[in-house]
Amino acid sequence: SSHFAQVGGNSQAPPWPLHLICVLRVGCWAMGCSCAKSDAVQAAEPLAGGKGREKPPSSDIIAKKVAQAKNTRVLALGQCGLRSLPTGSTGAGTETLRTVDLANNTLSKLPDDIASWASCQKLLCSQNVLTSLPAAIGQLAALQRLEISGN
């Protein structure tokens, strides 16, 4: 029997390729996936109970990170206190992003326009409050690593 990643209690077949699914809290659930053996995917450590946390960056700094990502191909928005994706982080100009780091925020959902991240190989969404993933994630054909632990 095959197993599928469970996000928000949903055990239906996901709309993305099975070789990408790793539910890191309980090990690998994707049939034939070797990530647990190779350490190809690792869970992000939970943030320490409020101590030592830095203040999230300002909206100006976040906007600069989004603009810079179009050159570096890395959208580094981890630990930014985000509840939603900032303007410009999806859509025109984001097609060449290779890594999108959204870990350690308070994102409850990802928008369907993440489909614009056509070249994304790493999507890091650990330690948020995601209850589901958009169907558009199935359009990320280059995706090799998906981290969703701690949601």
C-alpha atoms as a PDB file:
ATOM      1  CA  SER A   1       0.000   0.000   0.000  1.00  0.00           C
ATOM      2  CA  SER A   2       1.165   3.536  -0.661  1.00  0.00           C
ATOM      3  CA  HIS A   3       1.186   6.393   1.821  1.00  0.00           C
ATOM      4  CA  PHE A   4       0.598  10.070   1.187  1.00  0.00           C
ATOM      5  CA  ALA A   5       1.670  13.131   3.132  1.00  0.00           C
ATOM      6  CA  GLN A   6      -0.921  14.290   5.596  1.00  0.00           C
ATOM      7  CA  VAL A   7      -1.397  18.025   5.926  1.00  0.00           C
ATOM      8  CA  GLY A   8      -4.357  19.114   7.978  1.00  0.00           C
ATOM      9  CA  GLY A   9      -5.593  15.512   8.280  1.00  0.00           C
ATOM     10  CA  ASN A  10      -6.088  15.038   4.537  1.00  0.00           C
ATOM     11  CA  SER A  11      -4.893  11.637   3.351  1.00  0.00           C
ATOM     12  CA  GLN A  12      -5.944  11.913  -0.286  1.00  0.00           C
ATOM     13  CA  ALA A  13      -3.397  11.562  -3.069  1.00  0.00           C
ATOM     14  CA  PRO A  14      -1.557  14.887  -3.334  1.00  0.00           C
ATOM     15  CA  PRO A  15      -1.492  16.954  -6.550  1.00  0.00           C
ATOM     16  CA  TRP A  16       2.347  16.982  -6.622  1.00  0.00           C
ATOM     17  CA  PRO A  17       4.847  14.245  -7.560  1.00  0.00           C
ATOM     18  CA  LEU A  18       5.138  11.592  -4.865  1.00  0.00           C
ATOM     19  CA  HIS A  19       8.927  11.604  -4.806  1.00  0.00           C
ATOM     20  CA  LEU A  20       8.770  15.067  -3.190  1.00  0.00           C
ATOM     21  CA  ILE A  21       6.678  14.225  -0.158  1.00  0.00           C
ATOM     22  CA  CYS A  22       8.383  14.096   3.213  1.00  0.00           C
ATOM     23  CA  VAL A  23       6.461  14.545   6.417  1.00  0.00           C
ATOM     24  CA  LEU A  24       9.493  15.016   8.568  1.00  0.00           C
ATOM     25  CA  ARG A  25       7.866  14.708  11.965  1.00  0.00           C
ATOM     26  CA  VAL A  26       7.108  11.054  11.375  1.00  0.00           C
ATOM     27  CA  GLY A  27       9.588  10.063   8.681  1.00  0.00           C
ATOM     28  CA  CYS A  28       9.252   9.599   4.985  1.00  0.00           C
ATOM     29  CA  TRP A  29       5.844   8.584   3.667  1.00  0.00           C
ATOM     30  CA  ALA A  30       6.528   8.661  -0.040  1.00  0.00           C
ATOM     31  CA  MET A  31       6.758   5.237  -1.590  1.00  0.00           C
ATOM     32  CA  GLY A  32      10.312   4.695  -2.754  1.00  0.00           C
ATOM     33  CA  CYS A  33      11.674   7.904  -1.216  1.00  0.00           C
ATOM     34  CA  SER A  34      15.141   7.563   0.276  1.00  0.00           C
ATOM     35  CA  CYS A  35      15.349  10.927   2.025  1.00  0.00           C
ATOM     36  CA  ALA A  36      15.263   9.421   5.514  1.00  0.00           C
ATOM     37  CA  LYS A  37      18.327   7.337   4.664  1.00  0.00           C
ATOM     38  CA  SER A  38      20.288  10.006   2.810  1.00  0.00           C
ATOM     39  CA  ASP A  39      19.402  12.990   5.020  1.00  0.00           C
ATOM     40  CA  ALA A  40      18.479  14.818   1.824  1.00  0.00           C
ATOM     41  CA  VAL A  41      15.688  16.561   3.707  1.00  0.00           C
ATOM     42  CA  GLN A  42      16.014  17.664   7.305  1.00  0.00           C
ATOM     43  CA  ALA A  43      13.448  19.189   9.619  1.00  0.00           C
ATOM     44  CA  ALA A  44      14.014  22.728  10.747  1.00  0.00           C
ATOM     45  CA  GLU A  45      14.518  23.099  14.482  1.00  0.00           C
ATOM     46  CA  PRO A  46      11.576  24.727  16.245  1.00  0.00           C
ATOM     47  CA  LEU A  47      12.182  28.230  17.505  1.00  0.00           C
ATOM     48  CA  ALA A  48      13.079  28.411  21.184  1.00  0.00           C
ATOM     49  CA  GLY A  49      10.126  29.572  23.312  1.00  0.00           C
ATOM     50  CA  GLY A  50      10.420  33.241  22.459  1.00  0.00           C
ATOM     51  CA  LYS A  51      13.837  33.767  24.010  1.00  0.00           C
ATOM     52  CA  GLY A  52      16.591  35.035  21.774  1.00  0.00           C
ATOM     53  CA  ARG A  53      14.253  35.833  18.891  1.00  0.00           C
ATOM     54  CA  GLU A  54      15.086  38.911  16.946  1.00  0.00           C
ATOM     55  CA  LYS A  55      12.469  41.425  15.920  1.00  0.00           C
ATOM     56  CA  PRO A  56      11.109  40.581  12.440  1.00  0.00           C
ATOM     57  CA  PRO A  57      12.507  42.752   9.649  1.00  0.00           C
ATOM     58  CA  SER A  58      10.626  45.866   8.585  1.00  0.00           C
ATOM     59  CA  SER A  59       8.448  45.944   5.475  1.00  0.00           C
ATOM     60  CA  ASP A  60      11.197  47.939   3.726  1.00  0.00           C
ATOM     61  CA  ILE A  61      13.745  45.201   4.389  1.00  0.00           C
ATOM     62  CA  ILE A  62      11.292  42.541   3.232  1.00  0.00           C
ATOM     63  CA  ALA A  63      10.696  44.511   0.014  1.00  0.00           C
ATOM     64  CA  LYS A  64      14.478  44.689  -0.530  1.00  0.00           C
ATOM     65  CA  LYS A  65      14.754  40.920   0.006  1.00  0.00           C
ATOM     66  CA  VAL A  66      12.058  40.362  -2.632  1.00  0.00           C
ATOM     67  CA  ALA A  67      13.823  42.687  -5.103  1.00  0.00           C
ATOM     68  CA  GLN A  68      17.208  41.075  -4.413  1.00  0.00           C
ATOM     69  CA  ALA A  69      15.775  37.590  -4.980  1.00  0.00           C
ATOM     70  CA  LYS A  70      15.213  38.368  -8.633  1.00  0.00           C
ATOM     71  CA  ASN A  71      19.016  38.639  -9.010  1.00  0.00           C
ATOM     72  CA  THR A  72      20.191  35.980  -6.553  1.00  0.00           C
ATOM     73  CA  ARG A  73      17.375  33.507  -7.378  1.00  0.00           C
ATOM     74  CA  VAL A  74      16.947  32.935  -3.611  1.00  0.00           C
ATOM     75  CA  LEU A  75      13.873  34.342  -1.880  1.00  0.00           C
ATOM     76  CA  ALA A  76      15.023  34.415   1.754  1.00  0.00           C
ATOM     77  CA  LEU A  77      11.961  35.251   3.843  1.00  0.00           C
ATOM     78  CA  GLY A  78      12.496  32.867   6.759  1.00  0.00           C
ATOM     79  CA  GLN A  79      11.821  34.323  10.227  1.00  0.00           C
ATOM     80  CA  CYS A  80      10.226  37.487   8.834  1.00  0.00           C
ATOM     81  CA  GLY A  81       6.992  37.354  10.829  1.00  0.00           C
ATOM     82  CA  LEU A  82       4.940  36.865   7.653  1.00  0.00           C
ATOM     83  CA  ARG A  83       1.222  36.054   7.745  1.00  0.00           C
ATOM     84  CA  SER A  84       1.005  36.209   3.948  1.00  0.00           C
ATOM     85  CA  LEU A  85       3.447  36.497   1.078  1.00  0.00           C
ATOM     86  CA  PRO A  86       4.637  40.042   0.414  1.00  0.00           C
ATOM     87  CA  THR A  87       3.884  41.926  -2.797  1.00  0.00           C
ATOM     88  CA  GLY A  88       6.215  40.928  -5.622  1.00  0.00           C
ATOM     89  CA  SER A  89       7.174  37.547  -4.157  1.00  0.00           C
ATOM     90  CA  THR A  90       5.055  35.773  -6.789  1.00  0.00           C
ATOM     91  CA  GLY A  91       4.179  36.609 -10.362  1.00  0.00           C
ATOM     92  CA  ALA A  92       6.281  38.295 -13.044  1.00  0.00           C
ATOM     93  CA  GLY A  93      10.007  38.209 -12.347  1.00  0.00           C
ATOM     94  CA  THR A  94       9.922  35.226  -9.965  1.00  0.00           C
ATOM     95  CA  GLU A  95      10.107  32.486 -12.608  1.00  0.00           C
ATOM     96  CA  THR A  96      13.861  31.936 -12.083  1.00  0.00           C
ATOM     97  CA  LEU A  97      13.808  31.547  -8.284  1.00  0.00           C
ATOM     98  CA  ARG A  98      15.683  28.379  -7.254  1.00  0.00           C
ATOM     99  CA  THR A  99      15.120  28.490  -3.490  1.00  0.00           C
ATOM    100  CA  VAL A 100      12.181  29.925  -1.580  1.00  0.00           C
ATOM    101  CA  ASP A 101      12.648  30.014   2.204  1.00  0.00           C
ATOM    102  CA  LEU A 102       9.425  30.779   4.052  1.00  0.00           C
ATOM    103  CA  ALA A 103      10.269  28.826   7.217  1.00  0.00           C
ATOM    104  CA  ASN A 104       9.526  30.070  10.727  1.00  0.00           C
ATOM    105  CA  ASN A 105       6.717  32.486   9.901  1.00  0.00           C
ATOM    106  CA  THR A 106       2.981  32.338  10.610  1.00  0.00           C
ATOM    107  CA  LEU A 107       1.762  31.530   7.095  1.00  0.00           C
ATOM    108  CA  SER A 108      -1.585  29.732   7.129  1.00  0.00           C
ATOM    109  CA  LYS A 109      -1.732  29.206   3.363  1.00  0.00           C
ATOM    110  CA  LEU A 110       0.246  29.619   0.173  1.00  0.00           C
ATOM    111  CA  PRO A 111      -1.443  31.327  -2.779  1.00  0.00           C
ATOM    112  CA  ASP A 112      -2.046  29.597  -6.108  1.00  0.00           C
ATOM    113  CA  ASP A 113       0.254  32.079  -7.818  1.00  0.00           C
ATOM    114  CA  ILE A 114       3.272  30.211  -6.403  1.00  0.00           C
ATOM    115  CA  ALA A 115       2.973  28.487  -9.789  1.00  0.00           C
ATOM    116  CA  SER A 116       5.101  31.394 -11.059  1.00  0.00           C
ATOM    117  CA  TRP A 117       8.090  29.828  -9.249  1.00  0.00           C
ATOM    118  CA  ALA A 118       8.660  27.548 -12.251  1.00  0.00           C
ATOM    119  CA  SER A 119      12.397  27.006 -11.535  1.00  0.00           C
ATOM    120  CA  CYS A 120      12.017  26.482  -7.777  1.00  0.00           C
ATOM    121  CA  GLN A 121      14.015  23.483  -6.573  1.00  0.00           C
ATOM    122  CA  LYS A 122      13.728  24.043  -2.792  1.00  0.00           C
ATOM    123  CA  LEU A 123      10.570  25.208  -1.059  1.00  0.00           C
ATOM    124  CA  LEU A 124      11.107  25.562   2.687  1.00  0.00           C
ATOM    125  CA  CYS A 125       7.850  26.036   4.607  1.00  0.00           C
ATOM    126  CA  SER A 126       8.611  24.396   7.961  1.00  0.00           C
ATOM    127  CA  GLN A 127       7.411  25.946  11.222  1.00  0.00           C
ATOM    128  CA  ASN A 128       4.374  27.842   9.935  1.00  0.00           C
ATOM    129  CA  VAL A 129       0.659  27.180  10.472  1.00  0.00           C
ATOM    130  CA  LEU A 130      -0.133  25.688   7.068  1.00  0.00           C
ATOM    131  CA  THR A 131      -3.154  23.379   7.009  1.00  0.00           C
ATOM    132  CA  SER A 132      -3.024  22.548   3.299  1.00  0.00           C
ATOM    133  CA  LEU A 133      -0.979  23.134   0.177  1.00  0.00           C
ATOM    134  CA  PRO A 134      -2.363  24.730  -2.990  1.00  0.00           C
ATOM    135  CA  ALA A 135      -2.947  22.595  -6.071  1.00  0.00           C
ATOM    136  CA  ALA A 136      -0.516  24.934  -7.866  1.00  0.00           C
ATOM    137  CA  ILE A 137       2.346  23.186  -6.089  1.00  0.00           C
ATOM    138  CA  GLY A 138       1.911  20.436  -8.670  1.00  0.00           C
ATOM    139  CA  GLN A 139       3.032  22.916 -11.336  1.00  0.00           C
ATOM    140  CA  LEU A 140       6.487  23.302  -9.764  1.00  0.00           C
ATOM    141  CA  ALA A 141       8.121  20.767 -12.078  1.00  0.00           C
ATOM    142  CA  ALA A 142      11.686  21.585 -10.928  1.00  0.00           C
ATOM    143  CA  LEU A 143      10.865  21.086  -7.216  1.00  0.00           C
ATOM    144  CA  GLN A 144      13.239  18.619  -5.546  1.00  0.00           C
ATOM    145  CA  ARG A 145      12.914  19.470  -1.858  1.00  0.00           C
ATOM    146  CA  LEU A 146       9.773  20.390   0.042  1.00  0.00           C
ATOM    147  CA  GLU A 147       9.924  20.987   3.774  1.00  0.00           C
ATOM    148  CA  ILE A 148       6.602  21.232   5.604  1.00  0.00           C
ATOM    149  CA  SER A 149       7.347  19.959   9.101  1.00  0.00           C
ATOM    150  CA  GLY A 150       6.058  21.805  12.126  1.00  0.00           C
ATOM    151  CA  ASN A 151       2.785  22.958  10.622  1.00  0.00           C
END
